[in-house]
C-alpha cells in the first residue's frame, strides 16, 4: 500500500491490490443470491445495504447490494472488480473506487442497481482520486487524492458527482475522507498517526471550502484505519471504531466521547454505519484486529446504543463497509 519512497497509497490501493479493474464491469443484470427469510428481529428493517465481500472467489473486494435484513442479495459487477462503496442516504446514487490506466485510481458513480455508470475523469498527470462520500444532495463527491510521483498533490478534493467538473482542493495534506455533515457544510476526515495505513489515527473536521481544519478526536482516542467514520443523520454524533474492536460516538464539537459497543465474545467491530433514521447501527464483527485480513466474519445490526445485537449476514467469507440507505 505504499510506494518505494514510503508515501501513502491509501487503503483503497490495498483493497484493489493487483486487480485490474474493468471499467465496464458494473452491471444491473447480475444474478441474485438466494437467502433465507429474515428473523423476526430483522423483519422490520427497511431500505437497502451496499457492502463488500472479500477473500476466495471474491478477490480483494466484490460489491453487493441487499435488503437491509440481508435478503434479496445481488452482486454488482464482476468478482474482485470494485471496492470502497459510498451512497447518498436515499440510495439514489452510489460511488466506488476503480483502477484506471497508468496504475492510477479513479471513482465511478452509478445507480444502486449498477446502471447509469459514470467514470469520473482524472486530471492530466499522475494524481489518483479514489472514491469518498457523496454530499447529502448527491451533487458533490469528496475524493482522496494521492500521487507517488508528486506527493505534494495529496489531499482531499471535491468535485461534481455527475461529471467530475468544478474540482477544488480542500486540504493540502493526505487524509482519507469519512463523511459529509448532514447539512453538507463540513467533511469528516481520517489521518494515520504516522502517515501509513493500517496504523490507527485520528478524526478531523474541515469546512468544504477548506477552512477550519482541526482534529476532532482527543489524542487518547485512537481510531481504526481505514473505513467508515459516519455522521449520524441528525448531525449530533459521529460513529467510529477503535483498534481494539470497540465502537464509539463523539459529538462534532469533540465532546461526549461515548463507548457504544464492545463484543461480549471478544470479536472486533469494524466499518460501522448508521441506519437512515439513526436509530440503529450496522457493522461487521471480525475474529482478528487486522483491517486488511479477510477472515470469515459476520455483519450485524444493533440499536444505536449497542444493544440488541443481531446477525444480518453470515457465511464463510469476509464482509465489510456497509452503507445503509433508505431507498
C-alpha atoms as a PDB file:
ATOM      1  CA  UNK A   1       0.000   0.000   0.000  1.00  0.00           C
ATOM      2  CA  UNK A   2       2.993   2.247  -0.010  1.00  0.00           C
ATOM      3  CA  UNK A   3       5.366   3.109  -2.816  1.00  0.00           C
ATOM      4  CA  UNK A   4       9.129   2.633  -2.733  1.00  0.00           C
ATOM      5  CA  UNK A   5       9.541   6.110  -1.291  1.00  0.00           C
ATOM      6  CA  UNK A   6       7.133   5.264   1.511  1.00  0.00           C
ATOM      7  CA  UNK A   7       4.340   7.706   0.659  1.00  0.00           C
ATOM      8  CA  UNK A   8       0.776   6.702   1.381  1.00  0.00           C
ATOM      9  CA  UNK A   9      -1.130   4.874  -1.328  1.00  0.00           C
ATOM     10  CA  UNK A  10      -4.319   4.816   0.808  1.00  0.00           C
ATOM     11  CA  UNK A  11      -6.450   1.949   1.969  1.00  0.00           C
ATOM     12  CA  UNK A  12      -8.206   1.673  -1.365  1.00  0.00           C
ATOM     13  CA  UNK A  13      -4.959   0.600  -3.048  1.00  0.00           C
ATOM     14  CA  UNK A  14      -4.529  -2.181  -0.511  1.00  0.00           C
ATOM     15  CA  UNK A  15      -8.032  -3.405  -1.241  1.00  0.00           C
ATOM     16  CA  UNK A  16      -7.713  -3.205  -5.002  1.00  0.00           C
ATOM     17  CA  UNK A  17      -4.310  -4.884  -4.806  1.00  0.00           C
ATOM     18  CA  UNK A  18      -3.230  -6.405  -8.104  1.00  0.00           C
ATOM     19  CA  UNK A  19      -6.759  -6.426  -9.518  1.00  0.00           C
ATOM     20  CA  UNK A  20      -7.075  -4.800 -12.919  1.00  0.00           C
ATOM     21  CA  UNK A  21     -10.491  -3.196 -12.799  1.00  0.00           C
ATOM     22  CA  UNK A  22     -12.512  -3.364 -15.967  1.00  0.00           C
ATOM     23  CA  UNK A  23     -14.322  -0.072 -16.192  1.00  0.00           C
ATOM     24  CA  UNK A  24     -17.215  -1.855 -17.901  1.00  0.00           C
ATOM     25  CA  UNK A  25     -17.620  -4.306 -15.055  1.00  0.00           C
ATOM     26  CA  UNK A  26     -20.664  -2.936 -13.229  1.00  0.00           C
ATOM     27  CA  UNK A  27     -23.945  -4.383 -14.455  1.00  0.00           C
ATOM     28  CA  UNK A  28     -27.540  -4.423 -13.286  1.00  0.00           C
ATOM     29  CA  UNK A  29     -28.056  -7.950 -14.643  1.00  0.00           C
ATOM     30  CA  UNK A  30     -26.041  -9.889 -12.062  1.00  0.00           C
ATOM     31  CA  UNK A  31     -27.948 -12.893 -10.731  1.00  0.00           C
ATOM     32  CA  UNK A  32     -29.465 -12.630  -7.250  1.00  0.00           C
ATOM     33  CA  UNK A  33     -28.063 -14.735  -4.425  1.00  0.00           C
ATOM     34  CA  UNK A  34     -30.631 -16.867  -2.656  1.00  0.00           C
ATOM     35  CA  UNK A  35     -31.062 -16.006   1.000  1.00  0.00           C
ATOM     36  CA  UNK A  36     -33.330 -17.142   3.789  1.00  0.00           C
ATOM     37  CA  UNK A  37     -36.230 -15.158   5.146  1.00  0.00           C
ATOM     38  CA  UNK A  38     -35.190 -12.667   7.841  1.00  0.00           C
ATOM     39  CA  UNK A  39     -35.607 -13.473  11.513  1.00  0.00           C
ATOM     40  CA  UNK A  40     -38.309 -11.669  13.456  1.00  0.00           C
ATOM     41  CA  UNK A  41     -35.623  -9.334  14.828  1.00  0.00           C
ATOM     42  CA  UNK A  42     -34.759  -8.235  11.281  1.00  0.00           C
ATOM     43  CA  UNK A  43     -38.175  -8.277   9.659  1.00  0.00           C
ATOM     44  CA  UNK A  44     -38.817  -4.609  10.469  1.00  0.00           C
ATOM     45  CA  UNK A  45     -35.620  -3.329   8.856  1.00  0.00           C
ATOM     46  CA  UNK A  46     -36.213  -1.175   5.794  1.00  0.00           C
ATOM     47  CA  UNK A  47     -34.067   0.116   2.957  1.00  0.00           C
ATOM     48  CA  UNK A  48     -31.017  -1.491   1.363  1.00  0.00           C
ATOM     49  CA  UNK A  49     -27.385  -2.073   2.252  1.00  0.00           C
ATOM     50  CA  UNK A  50     -24.432  -1.705  -0.056  1.00  0.00           C
ATOM     51  CA  UNK A  51     -21.402  -3.699   1.160  1.00  0.00           C
ATOM     52  CA  UNK A  52     -18.416  -5.750   0.026  1.00  0.00           C
ATOM     53  CA  UNK A  53     -17.243  -9.344   0.325  1.00  0.00           C
ATOM     54  CA  UNK A  54     -13.596 -10.399   0.056  1.00  0.00           C
ATOM     55  CA  UNK A  55     -11.418 -13.486   0.014  1.00  0.00           C
ATOM     56  CA  UNK A  56     -11.691 -16.652  -2.084  1.00  0.00           C
ATOM     57  CA  UNK A  57     -13.630 -16.109  -5.296  1.00  0.00           C
ATOM     58  CA  UNK A  58     -14.485 -12.559  -4.177  1.00  0.00           C
ATOM     59  CA  UNK A  59     -10.847 -11.490  -4.559  1.00  0.00           C
ATOM     60  CA  UNK A  60      -9.724  -8.271  -2.902  1.00  0.00           C
ATOM     61  CA  UNK A  61     -13.303  -6.973  -2.884  1.00  0.00           C
ATOM     62  CA  UNK A  62     -16.602  -7.528  -4.671  1.00  0.00           C
ATOM     63  CA  UNK A  63     -19.554  -5.173  -4.352  1.00  0.00           C
ATOM     64  CA  UNK A  64     -23.038  -6.326  -3.319  1.00  0.00           C
ATOM     65  CA  UNK A  65     -26.437  -4.824  -2.595  1.00  0.00           C
ATOM     66  CA  UNK A  66     -29.185  -6.414  -0.472  1.00  0.00           C
ATOM     67  CA  UNK A  67     -32.247  -5.515   1.512  1.00  0.00           C
ATOM     68  CA  UNK A  68     -31.352  -4.250   4.973  1.00  0.00           C
ATOM     69  CA  UNK A  69     -32.435  -7.545   6.536  1.00  0.00           C
ATOM     70  CA  UNK A  70     -29.852  -9.374   4.396  1.00  0.00           C
ATOM     71  CA  UNK A  71     -32.267 -10.844   1.848  1.00  0.00           C
ATOM     72  CA  UNK A  72     -32.527 -10.429  -1.943  1.00  0.00           C
ATOM     73  CA  UNK A  73     -28.780 -10.056  -2.316  1.00  0.00           C
ATOM     74  CA  UNK A  74     -27.302  -9.121  -5.691  1.00  0.00           C
ATOM     75  CA  UNK A  75     -23.695  -8.878  -6.837  1.00  0.00           C
ATOM     76  CA  UNK A  76     -22.828  -5.631  -8.623  1.00  0.00           C
ATOM     77  CA  UNK A  77     -20.270  -6.181 -11.354  1.00  0.00           C
ATOM     78  CA  UNK A  78     -17.659  -8.907 -11.697  1.00  0.00           C
ATOM     79  CA  UNK A  79     -15.749 -10.670  -8.935  1.00  0.00           C
ATOM     80  CA  UNK A  80     -12.928  -8.649  -7.409  1.00  0.00           C
ATOM     81  CA  UNK A  81     -13.596  -5.665  -9.620  1.00  0.00           C
ATOM     82  CA  UNK A  82     -14.552  -2.791  -7.285  1.00  0.00           C
ATOM     83  CA  UNK A  83     -14.221  -1.533  -3.733  1.00  0.00           C
ATOM     84  CA  UNK A  84     -14.945   1.155  -1.172  1.00  0.00           C
ATOM     85  CA  UNK A  85     -18.640   1.992  -1.704  1.00  0.00           C
ATOM     86  CA  UNK A  86     -20.469   5.140  -0.633  1.00  0.00           C
ATOM     87  CA  UNK A  87     -24.005   6.323  -1.330  1.00  0.00           C
ATOM     88  CA  UNK A  88     -26.481   9.107  -0.801  1.00  0.00           C
ATOM     89  CA  UNK A  89     -28.725   8.396   2.191  1.00  0.00           C
ATOM     90  CA  UNK A  90     -31.698   7.776  -0.087  1.00  0.00           C
ATOM     91  CA  UNK A  91     -29.699   5.369  -2.259  1.00  0.00           C
ATOM     92  CA  UNK A  92     -30.304   7.360  -5.428  1.00  0.00           C
ATOM     93  CA  UNK A  93     -26.581   7.272  -6.368  1.00  0.00           C
ATOM     94  CA  UNK A  94     -23.570   5.264  -5.270  1.00  0.00           C
ATOM     95  CA  UNK A  95     -19.833   5.770  -5.809  1.00  0.00           C
ATOM     96  CA  UNK A  96     -16.904   3.356  -5.549  1.00  0.00           C
ATOM     97  CA  UNK A  97     -13.202   3.141  -6.465  1.00  0.00           C
ATOM     98  CA  UNK A  98     -11.727   1.503  -9.545  1.00  0.00           C
ATOM     99  CA  UNK A  99      -8.287   1.152 -11.099  1.00  0.00           C
ATOM    100  CA  UNK A 100      -7.562   3.419 -14.057  1.00  0.00           C
ATOM    101  CA  UNK A 101      -4.904   3.328 -16.803  1.00  0.00           C
ATOM    102  CA  UNK A 102      -1.340   4.020 -15.759  1.00  0.00           C
ATOM    103  CA  UNK A 103      -1.716   2.441 -12.326  1.00  0.00           C
ATOM    104  CA  UNK A 104      -3.972   5.224 -11.090  1.00  0.00           C
ATOM    105  CA  UNK A 105      -7.234   5.022  -9.126  1.00  0.00           C
ATOM    106  CA  UNK A 106     -10.462   6.795 -10.034  1.00  0.00           C
ATOM    107  CA  UNK A 107     -14.086   6.927  -8.857  1.00  0.00           C
ATOM    108  CA  UNK A 108     -17.214   5.603 -10.552  1.00  0.00           C
ATOM    109  CA  UNK A 109     -20.780   6.726  -9.822  1.00  0.00           C
ATOM    110  CA  UNK A 110     -23.871   4.648 -10.583  1.00  0.00           C
ATOM    111  CA  UNK A 111     -27.425   3.875  -9.570  1.00  0.00           C
ATOM    112  CA  UNK A 112     -27.978   1.424  -6.705  1.00  0.00           C
ATOM    113  CA  UNK A 113     -28.578  -1.394  -9.206  1.00  0.00           C
ATOM    114  CA  UNK A 114     -25.305  -0.651 -11.016  1.00  0.00           C
ATOM    115  CA  UNK A 115     -26.869   1.079 -14.006  1.00  0.00           C
ATOM    116  CA  UNK A 116     -26.068   4.541 -15.430  1.00  0.00           C
ATOM    117  CA  UNK A 117     -22.383   4.342 -14.595  1.00  0.00           C
ATOM    118  CA  UNK A 118     -20.168   7.409 -14.907  1.00  0.00           C
ATOM    119  CA  UNK A 119     -16.375   7.072 -14.676  1.00  0.00           C
ATOM    120  CA  UNK A 120     -15.180  10.369 -13.220  1.00  0.00           C
ATOM    121  CA  UNK A 121     -12.267  11.766 -15.259  1.00  0.00           C
ATOM    122  CA  UNK A 122      -8.819  12.151 -13.765  1.00  0.00           C
ATOM    123  CA  UNK A 123      -6.703  15.250 -14.324  1.00  0.00           C
ATOM    124  CA  UNK A 124      -3.623  15.136 -16.530  1.00  0.00           C
ATOM    125  CA  UNK A 125      -0.553  13.801 -14.779  1.00  0.00           C
ATOM    126  CA  UNK A 126      -0.304  11.078 -12.141  1.00  0.00           C
ATOM    127  CA  UNK A 127      -2.792  12.105  -9.442  1.00  0.00           C
ATOM    128  CA  UNK A 128      -5.220   9.405  -8.296  1.00  0.00           C
ATOM    129  CA  UNK A 129      -8.643  10.365  -6.951  1.00  0.00           C
ATOM    130  CA  UNK A 130     -10.230   7.489  -5.024  1.00  0.00           C
ATOM    131  CA  UNK A 131     -13.898   7.454  -4.084  1.00  0.00           C
ATOM    132  CA  UNK A 132     -15.171   9.123  -0.934  1.00  0.00           C
ATOM    133  CA  UNK A 133     -18.574  10.224   0.368  1.00  0.00           C
ATOM    134  CA  UNK A 134     -21.336  11.875  -1.618  1.00  0.00           C
ATOM    135  CA  UNK A 135     -22.860  15.110  -0.345  1.00  0.00           C
ATOM    136  CA  UNK A 136     -26.378  14.822   1.127  1.00  0.00           C
ATOM    137  CA  UNK A 137     -27.991  16.064  -2.082  1.00  0.00           C
ATOM    138  CA  UNK A 138     -25.735  13.887  -4.248  1.00  0.00           C
ATOM    139  CA  UNK A 139     -24.291  16.786  -6.241  1.00  0.00           C
ATOM    140  CA  UNK A 140     -20.731  16.589  -4.855  1.00  0.00           C
ATOM    141  CA  UNK A 141     -18.265  13.805  -4.129  1.00  0.00           C
ATOM    142  CA  UNK A 142     -15.223  14.053  -1.855  1.00  0.00           C
ATOM    143  CA  UNK A 143     -12.174  12.211  -3.188  1.00  0.00           C
ATOM    144  CA  UNK A 144      -8.903  11.001  -1.703  1.00  0.00           C
ATOM    145  CA  UNK A 145      -6.020  12.382  -3.740  1.00  0.00           C
ATOM    146  CA  UNK A 146      -2.621  10.669  -3.676  1.00  0.00           C
ATOM    147  CA  UNK A 147       0.322  10.762  -6.066  1.00  0.00           C
ATOM    148  CA  UNK A 148       3.616   8.916  -5.526  1.00  0.00           C
ATOM    149  CA  UNK A 149       5.301  10.873  -8.301  1.00  0.00           C
ATOM    150  CA  UNK A 150       4.200  14.192  -6.799  1.00  0.00           C
ATOM    151  CA  UNK A 151       3.418  13.652  -3.091  1.00  0.00           C
ATOM    152  CA  UNK A 152       2.697  17.351  -2.604  1.00  0.00           C
ATOM    153  CA  UNK A 153      -0.526  16.856  -4.617  1.00  0.00           C
ATOM    154  CA  UNK A 154      -2.018  14.589  -1.927  1.00  0.00           C
ATOM    155  CA  UNK A 155      -5.164  15.860  -0.234  1.00  0.00           C
ATOM    156  CA  UNK A 156      -8.935  15.843  -0.218  1.00  0.00           C
ATOM    157  CA  UNK A 157     -10.608  17.052  -3.406  1.00  0.00           C
ATOM    158  CA  UNK A 158     -14.280  17.836  -4.024  1.00  0.00           C
ATOM    159  CA  UNK A 159     -15.937  17.827  -7.445  1.00  0.00           C
ATOM    160  CA  UNK A 160     -19.301  17.439  -9.133  1.00  0.00           C
ATOM    161  CA  UNK A 161     -20.513  13.847  -8.839  1.00  0.00           C
ATOM    162  CA  UNK A 162     -22.266  13.998 -12.197  1.00  0.00           C
ATOM    163  CA  UNK A 163     -19.213  14.626 -14.376  1.00  0.00           C
ATOM    164  CA  UNK A 164     -16.131  15.449 -12.282  1.00  0.00           C
ATOM    165  CA  UNK A 165     -16.150  19.164 -13.088  1.00  0.00           C
ATOM    166  CA  UNK A 166     -15.593  22.104 -10.711  1.00  0.00           C
ATOM    167  CA  UNK A 167     -12.841  20.241  -8.864  1.00  0.00           C
ATOM    168  CA  UNK A 168     -11.452  22.038  -5.812  1.00  0.00           C
ATOM    169  CA  UNK A 169      -8.744  21.035  -3.358  1.00  0.00           C
ATOM    170  CA  UNK A 170      -9.906  21.064   0.259  1.00  0.00           C
ATOM    171  CA  UNK A 171      -6.712  20.005   2.085  1.00  0.00           C
ATOM    172  CA  UNK A 172      -3.022  20.092   1.190  1.00  0.00           C
ATOM    173  CA  UNK A 173      -2.142  17.074   3.319  1.00  0.00           C
ATOM    174  CA  UNK A 174      -3.133  13.448   2.911  1.00  0.00           C
ATOM    175  CA  UNK A 175      -6.381  12.390   4.583  1.00  0.00           C
ATOM    176  CA  UNK A 176      -8.917   9.616   3.993  1.00  0.00           C
ATOM    177  CA  UNK A 177     -12.441  11.032   3.561  1.00  0.00           C
ATOM    178  CA  UNK A 178     -15.035   9.904   6.081  1.00  0.00           C
ATOM    179  CA  UNK A 179     -18.407  11.606   5.557  1.00  0.00           C
ATOM    180  CA  UNK A 180     -20.214  14.829   4.753  1.00  0.00           C
ATOM    181  CA  UNK A 181     -22.098  16.517   7.582  1.00  0.00           C
ATOM    182  CA  UNK A 182     -25.890  16.254   7.126  1.00  0.00           C
ATOM    183  CA  UNK A 183     -26.036  19.936   6.128  1.00  0.00           C
ATOM    184  CA  UNK A 184     -23.270  19.414   3.555  1.00  0.00           C
ATOM    185  CA  UNK A 185     -21.040  22.144   5.020  1.00  0.00           C
ATOM    186  CA  UNK A 186     -18.284  20.036   6.597  1.00  0.00           C
ATOM    187  CA  UNK A 187     -16.225  16.946   5.874  1.00  0.00           C
ATOM    188  CA  UNK A 188     -15.181  14.287   8.370  1.00  0.00           C
ATOM    189  CA  UNK A 189     -11.630  13.031   7.670  1.00  0.00           C
ATOM    190  CA  UNK A 190      -9.239  10.355   8.930  1.00  0.00           C
ATOM    191  CA  UNK A 191      -5.451  10.682   9.182  1.00  0.00           C
ATOM    192  CA  UNK A 192      -2.982   7.966  10.164  1.00  0.00           C
ATOM    193  CA  UNK A 193      -0.839   8.705  13.166  1.00  0.00           C
ATOM    194  CA  UNK A 194       2.402   8.023  11.293  1.00  0.00           C
ATOM    195  CA  UNK A 195       1.192   8.519   7.713  1.00  0.00           C
ATOM    196  CA  UNK A 196       0.856   4.869   6.702  1.00  0.00           C
ATOM    197  CA  UNK A 197      -2.146   2.522   6.923  1.00  0.00           C
ATOM    198  CA  UNK A 198      -3.047   0.221   8.594  1.00  0.00           C
ATOM    199  CA  UNK A 199      -1.843   2.087  11.673  1.00  0.00           C
ATOM    200  CA  UNK A 200      -4.601   3.838  13.649  1.00  0.00           C
ATOM    201  CA  UNK A 201      -5.013   7.585  13.656  1.00  0.00           C
ATOM    202  CA  UNK A 202      -7.425  10.400  14.412  1.00  0.00           C
ATOM    203  CA  UNK A 203     -10.563  12.063  13.083  1.00  0.00           C
ATOM    204  CA  UNK A 204     -10.568  15.619  11.755  1.00  0.00           C
ATOM    205  CA  UNK A 205     -13.160  18.121  10.554  1.00  0.00           C
ATOM    206  CA  UNK A 206     -12.834  20.711   7.804  1.00  0.00           C
ATOM    207  CA  UNK A 207     -15.255  23.055   6.078  1.00  0.00           C
ATOM    208  CA  UNK A 208     -15.967  22.139   2.459  1.00  0.00           C
ATOM    209  CA  UNK A 209     -14.212  25.333   1.354  1.00  0.00           C
ATOM    210  CA  UNK A 210     -11.012  24.160   3.100  1.00  0.00           C
ATOM    211  CA  UNK A 211     -11.204  26.440   6.127  1.00  0.00           C
ATOM    212  CA  UNK A 212     -11.345  25.420   9.762  1.00  0.00           C
ATOM    213  CA  UNK A 213      -9.311  22.196   9.591  1.00  0.00           C
ATOM    214  CA  UNK A 214      -8.911  20.780  13.107  1.00  0.00           C
ATOM    215  CA  UNK A 215      -8.539  17.486  14.924  1.00  0.00           C
ATOM    216  CA  UNK A 216     -11.789  16.158  16.386  1.00  0.00           C
ATOM    217  CA  UNK A 217     -10.818  13.136  18.479  1.00  0.00           C
ATOM    218  CA  UNK A 218      -8.587  13.575  21.529  1.00  0.00           C
ATOM    219  CA  UNK A 219      -5.074  12.134  21.405  1.00  0.00           C
ATOM    220  CA  UNK A 220      -6.019   9.311  23.754  1.00  0.00           C
ATOM    221  CA  UNK A 221      -8.859   8.151  21.463  1.00  0.00           C
ATOM    222  CA  UNK A 222      -7.213   6.233  18.631  1.00  0.00           C
ATOM    223  CA  UNK A 223      -9.297   5.490  15.553  1.00  0.00           C
ATOM    224  CA  UNK A 224      -9.164   2.343  13.452  1.00  0.00           C
ATOM    225  CA  UNK A 225      -7.849   2.640   9.920  1.00  0.00           C
ATOM    226  CA  UNK A 226      -9.247   2.952   7.275  1.00  0.00           C
ATOM    227  CA  UNK A 227     -13.012   2.907   6.606  1.00  0.00           C
ATOM    228  CA  UNK A 228     -16.403   4.139   7.715  1.00  0.00           C
ATOM    229  CA  UNK A 229     -16.461   7.109  10.018  1.00  0.00           C
ATOM    230  CA  UNK A 230     -20.080   8.140   9.825  1.00  0.00           C
ATOM    231  CA  UNK A 231     -22.058  11.213  10.801  1.00  0.00           C
ATOM    232  CA  UNK A 232     -25.460  10.456  12.325  1.00  0.00           C
ATOM    233  CA  UNK A 233     -28.428  11.552  10.204  1.00  0.00           C
ATOM    234  CA  UNK A 234     -29.411  14.178  12.783  1.00  0.00           C
ATOM    235  CA  UNK A 235     -25.875  15.594  12.873  1.00  0.00           C
ATOM    236  CA  UNK A 236     -25.367  15.158  16.634  1.00  0.00           C
ATOM    237  CA  UNK A 237     -22.932  12.195  16.682  1.00  0.00           C
ATOM    238  CA  UNK A 238     -20.041  10.716  14.742  1.00  0.00           C
ATOM    239  CA  UNK A 239     -19.569   6.938  14.858  1.00  0.00           C
ATOM    240  CA  UNK A 240     -16.186   5.179  14.588  1.00  0.00           C
ATOM    241  CA  UNK A 241     -14.290   2.030  15.578  1.00  0.00           C
ATOM    242  CA  UNK A 242     -11.057   1.864  17.569  1.00  0.00           C
ATOM    243  CA  UNK A 243      -8.161  -0.592  17.000  1.00  0.00           C
ATOM    244  CA  UNK A 244      -9.390  -2.775  19.877  1.00  0.00           C
ATOM    245  CA  UNK A 245     -12.706  -3.504  18.212  1.00  0.00           C
ATOM    246  CA  UNK A 246     -14.877  -1.138  20.240  1.00  0.00           C
ATOM    247  CA  UNK A 247     -17.362   1.295  18.675  1.00  0.00           C
ATOM    248  CA  UNK A 248     -17.524   4.899  19.864  1.00  0.00           C
ATOM    249  CA  UNK A 249     -19.514   8.035  19.204  1.00  0.00           C
ATOM    250  CA  UNK A 250     -18.394  11.631  19.629  1.00  0.00           C
ATOM    251  CA  UNK A 251     -20.160  14.962  19.210  1.00  0.00           C
ATOM    252  CA  UNK A 252     -18.995  17.226  16.342  1.00  0.00           C
ATOM    253  CA  UNK A 253     -17.598  19.685  18.901  1.00  0.00           C
ATOM    254  CA  UNK A 254     -15.351  16.953  20.369  1.00  0.00           C
ATOM    255  CA  UNK A 255     -17.441  16.376  23.495  1.00  0.00           C
ATOM    256  CA  UNK A 256     -19.450  13.367  24.668  1.00  0.00           C
ATOM    257  CA  UNK A 257     -16.984  10.644  23.673  1.00  0.00           C
ATOM    258  CA  UNK A 258     -19.028   7.514  24.422  1.00  0.00           C
ATOM    259  CA  UNK A 259     -18.331   3.783  24.161  1.00  0.00           C
ATOM    260  CA  UNK A 260     -21.240   2.413  22.140  1.00  0.00           C
ATOM    261  CA  UNK A 261     -20.355  -1.265  21.703  1.00  0.00           C
ATOM    262  CA  UNK A 262     -17.897  -3.914  22.897  1.00  0.00           C
ATOM    263  CA  UNK A 263     -18.454  -7.508  21.824  1.00  0.00           C
ATOM    264  CA  UNK A 264     -19.013  -9.899  24.706  1.00  0.00           C
ATOM    265  CA  UNK A 265     -17.247 -12.655  22.748  1.00  0.00           C
ATOM    266  CA  UNK A 266     -14.106 -10.626  22.086  1.00  0.00           C
ATOM    267  CA  UNK A 267     -14.639 -10.036  18.369  1.00  0.00           C
ATOM    268  CA  UNK A 268     -13.535  -6.817  16.685  1.00  0.00           C
ATOM    269  CA  UNK A 269     -16.161  -4.403  15.364  1.00  0.00           C
ATOM    270  CA  UNK A 270     -15.191  -2.771  12.058  1.00  0.00           C
ATOM    271  CA  UNK A 271     -16.683  -0.371   9.479  1.00  0.00           C
ATOM    272  CA  UNK A 272     -19.790   0.837  11.329  1.00  0.00           C
ATOM    273  CA  UNK A 273     -22.603   2.809   9.719  1.00  0.00           C
ATOM    274  CA  UNK A 274     -25.971   4.299  10.717  1.00  0.00           C
ATOM    275  CA  UNK A 275     -29.456   3.309   9.648  1.00  0.00           C
ATOM    276  CA  UNK A 276     -31.169   6.024   7.579  1.00  0.00           C
ATOM    277  CA  UNK A 277     -33.130   7.261  10.602  1.00  0.00           C
ATOM    278  CA  UNK A 278     -30.202   6.968  13.037  1.00  0.00           C
ATOM    279  CA  UNK A 279     -31.984   4.527  15.358  1.00  0.00           C
ATOM    280  CA  UNK A 280     -29.687   1.577  14.565  1.00  0.00           C
ATOM    281  CA  UNK A 281     -26.121   0.845  13.532  1.00  0.00           C
ATOM    282  CA  UNK A 282     -24.636  -1.874  11.321  1.00  0.00           C
ATOM    283  CA  UNK A 283     -21.087  -3.210  11.370  1.00  0.00           C
ATOM    284  CA  UNK A 284     -19.003  -6.333  10.832  1.00  0.00           C
ATOM    285  CA  UNK A 285     -17.542  -8.425  13.659  1.00  0.00           C
ATOM    286  CA  UNK A 286     -14.108  -9.914  12.918  1.00  0.00           C
ATOM    287  CA  UNK A 287     -12.117 -12.606  14.749  1.00  0.00           C
ATOM    288  CA  UNK A 288      -8.864 -10.602  14.314  1.00  0.00           C
ATOM    289  CA  UNK A 289      -7.903  -6.912  14.680  1.00  0.00           C
ATOM    290  CA  UNK A 290      -6.277  -6.687  11.220  1.00  0.00           C
ATOM    291  CA  UNK A 291      -8.457  -4.448   8.991  1.00  0.00           C
ATOM    292  CA  UNK A 292      -6.757  -5.824   5.856  1.00  0.00           C
ATOM    293  CA  UNK A 293      -7.123  -9.549   6.606  1.00  0.00           C
ATOM    294  CA  UNK A 294     -10.037 -11.492   5.120  1.00  0.00           C
ATOM    295  CA  UNK A 295     -11.229 -13.976   7.768  1.00  0.00           C
ATOM    296  CA  UNK A 296     -14.770 -15.304   7.757  1.00  0.00           C
ATOM    297  CA  UNK A 297     -16.933 -12.865   9.691  1.00  0.00           C
ATOM    298  CA  UNK A 298     -20.497 -11.668  10.070  1.00  0.00           C
ATOM    299  CA  UNK A 299     -22.458  -8.480   9.504  1.00  0.00           C
ATOM    300  CA  UNK A 300     -24.564  -7.370  12.466  1.00  0.00           C
ATOM    301  CA  UNK A 301     -27.118  -4.771  13.423  1.00  0.00           C
ATOM    302  CA  UNK A 302     -27.870  -3.283  16.826  1.00  0.00           C
ATOM    303  CA  UNK A 303     -29.737  -0.371  18.330  1.00  0.00           C
ATOM    304  CA  UNK A 304     -27.835   2.910  18.274  1.00  0.00           C
ATOM    305  CA  UNK A 305     -26.812   2.347  21.905  1.00  0.00           C
ATOM    306  CA  UNK A 306     -25.190  -1.004  21.013  1.00  0.00           C
ATOM    307  CA  UNK A 307     -27.911  -3.228  22.478  1.00  0.00           C
ATOM    308  CA  UNK A 308     -29.918  -5.894  20.685  1.00  0.00           C
ATOM    309  CA  UNK A 309     -27.080  -7.377  18.607  1.00  0.00           C
ATOM    310  CA  UNK A 310     -28.479  -9.426  15.703  1.00  0.00           C
ATOM    311  CA  UNK A 311     -26.709 -11.063  12.771  1.00  0.00           C
ATOM    312  CA  UNK A 312     -27.729  -9.875   9.310  1.00  0.00           C
ATOM    313  CA  UNK A 313     -25.264 -11.787   7.117  1.00  0.00           C
ATOM    314  CA  UNK A 314     -23.217 -14.862   7.989  1.00  0.00           C
ATOM    315  CA  UNK A 315     -21.427 -17.218   5.519  1.00  0.00           C
ATOM    316  CA  UNK A 316     -17.777 -18.255   5.302  1.00  0.00           C
ATOM    317  CA  UNK A 317     -16.371 -15.104   3.749  1.00  0.00           C
ATOM    318  CA  UNK A 318     -15.263 -11.628   4.759  1.00  0.00           C
ATOM    319  CA  UNK A 319     -17.775  -8.752   4.765  1.00  0.00           C
ATOM    320  CA  UNK A 320     -17.300  -5.052   5.496  1.00  0.00           C
ATOM    321  CA  UNK A 321     -18.124  -1.440   4.596  1.00  0.00           C
ATOM    322  CA  UNK A 322     -21.924  -1.474   4.856  1.00  0.00           C
ATOM    323  CA  UNK A 323     -23.747   1.608   3.582  1.00  0.00           C
ATOM    324  CA  UNK A 324     -27.382   1.664   4.730  1.00  0.00           C
ATOM    325  CA  UNK A 325     -29.766   3.654   2.531  1.00  0.00           C
ATOM    326  CA  UNK A 326     -33.487   4.312   2.727  1.00  0.00           C
ATOM    327  CA  UNK A 327     -34.215   3.535  -0.919  1.00  0.00           C
END
